[in-house]
């Protein structure tokens, strides 16, 4: 019989993880009514934000007891949870009618999330407590944000539906790892990979910006997608070479 992967964490870890989740809930409850009022979205936007935040929060609390090796959740992971709340706020914009206000909100959120990502990384290095849980948790908001932004770029009419491939690229790479064992495992850390990871969010944010009109927004989105395809192709080729050795 295999062990169930969910385990109730010890008291210090459980309480610190729940505090981080509570912080995310508070941020969502404070910011979402303001955003809903400014965009005239109504209560449905607030509900979507809470639902988008609830799913990853439940997963984190359920899995932290099994995969987190330290007695406390940690400040870096707490900032990551705050990023999850903000990403949920951007995700809540999906389903709203296209408007310039939504575009501006998404652009501002991208800028704030970029700053928090830097704070997250700084705290992680400063704490000297690296772990597979922290590395995986840190990547999830970034991957989700890319998918959400690509959907918003399409829904706002700034590019055709092909732009969603930008957000699906990472998940497709993971799916390939399930189907082909030689594709599984963590990626190597390279300057190229880090640059492309930042560039995909910047590119989609620029395509979504009201300052970039439609003909140019499509070009920006196409360049972002082409760069992602090239970067993932390089990683796949590297994985293949490693497997053949």
Protein backbone atom coordinates (compact mmCIF):
# COMPACT_ATOMS: atom_id res chain seq x y z
CA UNK A 1 0.00 0.00 0.00
CA UNK A 2 1.38 3.39 -0.95
CA UNK A 3 1.35 6.27 1.52
CA UNK A 4 -1.14 9.04 0.90
CA UNK A 5 0.88 12.10 -0.16
CA UNK A 6 -1.05 14.51 2.08
CA UNK A 7 0.05 14.72 5.71
CA UNK A 8 -0.93 17.16 8.44
CA UNK A 9 2.21 19.22 9.16
CA UNK A 10 3.66 19.72 12.63
CA UNK A 11 2.26 22.60 14.69
CA UNK A 12 4.92 25.29 13.94
CA UNK A 13 4.91 24.53 10.22
CA UNK A 14 1.13 24.28 10.10
CA UNK A 15 0.57 27.56 11.92
CA UNK A 16 3.14 29.47 9.83
CA UNK A 17 1.66 28.07 6.59
CA UNK A 18 -1.85 29.01 7.71
CA UNK A 19 -0.68 32.53 8.56
CA UNK A 20 0.67 32.88 5.01
CA UNK A 21 -2.64 31.64 3.59
CA UNK A 22 -4.55 34.02 5.87
CA UNK A 23 -2.42 36.90 4.60
CA UNK A 24 -3.33 35.93 1.04
CA UNK A 25 -7.03 35.81 1.91
CA UNK A 26 -6.85 39.24 3.56
CA UNK A 27 -5.08 40.75 0.56
CA UNK A 28 -7.71 39.23 -1.74
CA UNK A 29 -10.62 40.48 0.37
CA UNK A 30 -9.14 43.99 0.59
CA UNK A 31 -8.04 44.46 -3.02
CA UNK A 32 -10.74 42.61 -4.95
CA UNK A 33 -13.64 44.94 -3.94
CA UNK A 34 -11.51 47.94 -4.94
CA UNK A 35 -10.73 46.39 -8.31
CA UNK A 36 -14.35 45.31 -8.78
CA UNK A 37 -15.56 48.84 -8.08
CA UNK A 38 -13.02 50.46 -10.41
CA UNK A 39 -13.71 48.06 -13.28
CA UNK A 40 -17.44 47.85 -12.48
CA UNK A 41 -17.12 44.07 -12.27
CA UNK A 42 -19.34 43.43 -9.28
CA UNK A 43 -19.38 40.56 -6.80
CA UNK A 44 -18.63 37.91 -9.43
CA UNK A 45 -15.07 39.20 -9.72
CA UNK A 46 -14.54 38.84 -5.95
CA UNK A 47 -15.87 35.29 -6.03
CA UNK A 48 -13.57 34.36 -8.91
CA UNK A 49 -10.55 35.78 -7.07
CA UNK A 50 -11.32 33.76 -3.95
CA UNK A 51 -11.85 30.58 -5.98
CA UNK A 52 -8.63 31.04 -7.91
CA UNK A 53 -6.76 31.57 -4.64
CA UNK A 54 -8.45 28.75 -2.73
CA UNK A 55 -7.24 25.93 -5.01
CA UNK A 56 -3.47 26.53 -4.66
CA UNK A 57 -3.86 27.46 -0.97
CA UNK A 58 -5.51 24.12 -0.20
CA UNK A 59 -2.79 22.27 -2.13
CA UNK A 60 -0.03 24.08 -0.27
CA UNK A 61 -1.48 23.37 3.18
CA UNK A 62 -2.09 19.75 2.20
CA UNK A 63 1.36 19.09 0.73
CA UNK A 64 3.62 21.19 2.93
CA UNK A 65 3.71 18.53 5.67
CA UNK A 66 5.12 15.96 3.25
CA UNK A 67 7.41 18.00 1.01
CA UNK A 68 8.62 20.93 3.15
CA UNK A 69 11.78 19.87 5.06
CA UNK A 70 11.97 22.77 7.53
CA UNK A 71 10.01 23.38 10.76
CA UNK A 72 8.53 26.68 9.55
CA UNK A 73 6.98 27.84 6.29
CA UNK A 74 9.53 30.60 5.81
CA UNK A 75 9.32 34.24 4.75
CA UNK A 76 10.16 33.47 1.10
CA UNK A 77 7.26 31.03 0.84
CA UNK A 78 4.99 33.59 2.55
CA UNK A 79 5.86 36.12 -0.16
CA UNK A 80 5.18 33.45 -2.78
CA UNK A 81 1.73 32.95 -1.25
CA UNK A 82 1.18 36.70 -1.54
CA UNK A 83 2.13 36.40 -5.22
CA UNK A 84 -0.45 33.63 -5.56
CA UNK A 85 -3.12 36.00 -4.19
CA UNK A 86 -2.17 38.70 -6.70
CA UNK A 87 -2.09 36.20 -9.57
CA UNK A 88 -5.59 35.12 -8.50
CA UNK A 89 -6.62 38.76 -8.74
CA UNK A 90 -5.36 38.91 -12.32
CA UNK A 91 -7.08 35.60 -13.11
CA UNK A 92 -10.35 37.04 -11.84
CA UNK A 93 -10.25 39.52 -14.72
CA UNK A 94 -10.89 36.65 -17.13
CA UNK A 95 -14.55 36.76 -18.09
CA UNK A 96 -14.88 40.53 -17.82
CA UNK A 97 -15.72 42.61 -20.87
CA UNK A 98 -12.64 44.03 -22.64
CA UNK A 99 -11.69 47.47 -21.36
CA UNK A 100 -8.67 49.70 -21.07
CA UNK A 101 -8.97 49.65 -17.28
CA UNK A 102 -8.54 45.88 -17.20
CA UNK A 103 -5.46 46.21 -19.39
CA UNK A 104 -3.94 48.79 -17.06
CA UNK A 105 -4.72 46.68 -13.99
CA UNK A 106 -3.02 43.66 -15.52
CA UNK A 107 0.06 45.72 -16.42
CA UNK A 108 0.31 47.17 -12.89
CA UNK A 109 -0.12 43.69 -11.39
CA UNK A 110 2.70 42.37 -13.59
CA UNK A 111 5.01 45.13 -12.33
CA UNK A 112 4.15 44.43 -8.67
CA UNK A 113 4.57 40.69 -9.16
CA UNK A 114 7.98 41.23 -10.75
CA UNK A 115 9.09 43.16 -7.65
CA UNK A 116 7.71 40.49 -5.32
CA UNK A 117 9.44 37.78 -7.34
CA UNK A 118 12.74 39.57 -6.69
CA UNK A 119 11.94 39.90 -2.98
CA UNK A 120 10.98 36.24 -2.89
CA UNK A 121 14.31 35.18 -4.40
CA UNK A 122 16.29 37.49 -2.10
CA UNK A 123 14.59 36.09 1.00
CA UNK A 124 15.13 32.55 -0.21
CA UNK A 125 18.88 33.12 -0.67
CA UNK A 126 19.15 34.98 2.63
CA UNK A 127 17.40 32.23 4.62
CA UNK A 128 19.84 29.55 3.39
CA UNK A 129 16.99 27.04 3.43
CA UNK A 130 16.66 25.83 -0.17
CA UNK A 131 14.27 22.97 -0.81
CA UNK A 132 12.47 21.25 -3.64
CA UNK A 133 9.17 22.46 -2.19
CA UNK A 134 10.27 26.11 -2.27
CA UNK A 135 11.68 25.81 -5.80
CA UNK A 136 8.51 24.17 -7.13
CA UNK A 137 6.21 26.53 -5.23
CA UNK A 138 8.10 29.56 -6.55
CA UNK A 139 7.60 28.44 -10.16
CA UNK A 140 3.85 27.86 -9.93
CA UNK A 141 2.68 31.52 -9.75
CA UNK A 142 4.99 32.46 -12.63
CA UNK A 143 3.70 29.67 -14.86
CA UNK A 144 0.08 30.46 -13.95
CA UNK A 145 0.62 34.17 -14.57
CA UNK A 146 1.98 33.48 -18.06
CA UNK A 147 -1.09 31.42 -18.94
CA UNK A 148 -3.48 34.00 -17.48
CA UNK A 149 -1.80 36.89 -19.29
CA UNK A 150 -1.87 35.02 -22.59
CA UNK A 151 -5.60 34.40 -22.18
CA UNK A 152 -6.18 38.07 -21.33
CA UNK A 153 -4.17 39.20 -24.35
CA UNK A 154 -6.51 37.11 -26.49
CA UNK A 155 -9.73 38.15 -24.73
CA UNK A 156 -8.78 41.82 -24.88
CA UNK A 157 -8.37 41.48 -28.64
CA UNK A 158 -4.65 42.29 -28.59
CA UNK A 159 -3.72 39.02 -30.40
CA UNK A 160 -5.37 35.94 -31.87
CA UNK A 161 -6.01 32.73 -29.92
CA UNK A 162 -2.55 31.41 -30.85
CA UNK A 163 -1.09 33.61 -28.12
CA UNK A 164 -2.45 31.15 -25.51
CA UNK A 165 0.33 28.80 -26.62
CA UNK A 166 2.68 31.05 -24.63
CA UNK A 167 0.93 30.06 -21.42
CA UNK A 168 0.53 26.40 -22.35
CA UNK A 169 4.20 25.93 -23.23
CA UNK A 170 5.36 25.19 -19.68
CA UNK A 171 2.49 22.79 -18.98
CA UNK A 172 3.14 21.03 -22.29
CA UNK A 173 6.77 20.58 -21.28
CA UNK A 174 5.69 18.96 -18.01
CA UNK A 175 3.23 16.72 -19.87
CA UNK A 176 6.05 15.57 -22.14
CA UNK A 177 7.95 14.57 -19.02
CA UNK A 178 5.07 12.29 -18.04
CA UNK A 179 5.00 10.62 -21.44
CA UNK A 180 8.75 10.41 -22.07
CA UNK A 181 10.91 9.48 -19.04
CA UNK A 182 14.00 11.15 -20.52
CA UNK A 183 12.13 14.47 -20.42
CA UNK A 184 11.38 14.27 -16.68
CA UNK A 185 13.36 16.03 -13.98
CA UNK A 186 14.33 19.60 -13.13
CA UNK A 187 15.71 21.90 -15.81
CA UNK A 188 19.25 23.20 -15.64
CA UNK A 189 19.62 26.79 -14.49
CA UNK A 190 20.89 29.01 -17.29
CA UNK A 191 21.02 32.74 -17.99
CA UNK A 192 19.09 32.05 -21.19
CA UNK A 193 16.31 30.30 -19.29
CA UNK A 194 16.04 33.01 -16.65
CA UNK A 195 16.03 35.74 -19.29
CA UNK A 196 13.29 34.04 -21.30
CA UNK A 197 11.25 33.43 -18.12
CA UNK A 198 11.29 37.15 -17.38
CA UNK A 199 10.85 38.07 -21.04
CA UNK A 200 7.67 36.05 -21.48
CA UNK A 201 5.89 37.99 -18.73
CA UNK A 202 7.29 41.31 -19.92
CA UNK A 203 6.31 40.52 -23.52
CA UNK A 204 2.76 39.53 -22.66
CA UNK A 205 2.42 42.50 -20.35
CA UNK A 206 3.60 44.81 -23.13
CA UNK A 207 1.18 43.23 -25.61
CA UNK A 208 -1.62 43.79 -23.10
CA UNK A 209 -0.67 47.40 -22.40
CA UNK A 210 -3.04 50.09 -23.74
CA UNK A 211 0.07 51.93 -24.93
CA UNK A 212 0.69 49.20 -27.54
CA UNK A 213 -1.99 49.26 -30.28
CA UNK A 214 -3.28 46.10 -31.89
CA UNK A 215 -1.02 45.68 -34.91
CA UNK A 216 2.08 46.04 -32.73
CA UNK A 217 0.68 44.03 -29.84
CA UNK A 218 0.35 41.05 -32.17
CA UNK A 219 3.98 41.43 -33.21
CA UNK A 220 5.09 41.59 -29.57
CA UNK A 221 3.03 38.50 -28.72
CA UNK A 222 4.40 36.63 -31.75
CA UNK A 223 7.97 37.51 -30.78
CA UNK A 224 7.31 36.28 -27.23
CA UNK A 225 5.91 32.99 -28.51
CA UNK A 226 8.80 32.50 -30.94
CA UNK A 227 11.33 33.09 -28.15
CA UNK A 228 9.57 30.58 -25.91
CA UNK A 229 9.50 27.95 -28.66
CA UNK A 230 13.22 28.45 -29.26
CA UNK A 231 14.06 28.24 -25.54
CA UNK A 232 12.02 25.09 -24.95
CA UNK A 233 13.51 23.52 -28.08
CA UNK A 234 16.99 24.12 -26.66
CA UNK A 235 15.97 22.50 -23.35
CA UNK A 236 14.42 19.50 -25.10
CA UNK A 237 17.54 19.02 -27.23
CA UNK A 238 19.72 19.21 -24.09
CA UNK A 239 17.54 16.65 -22.32
CA UNK A 240 17.79 14.36 -25.34
CA UNK A 241 21.58 14.59 -25.37
CA UNK A 242 21.67 13.82 -21.65
CA UNK A 243 19.46 10.79 -22.16
CA UNK A 244 21.56 9.37 -24.99
CA UNK A 245 24.67 9.59 -22.85
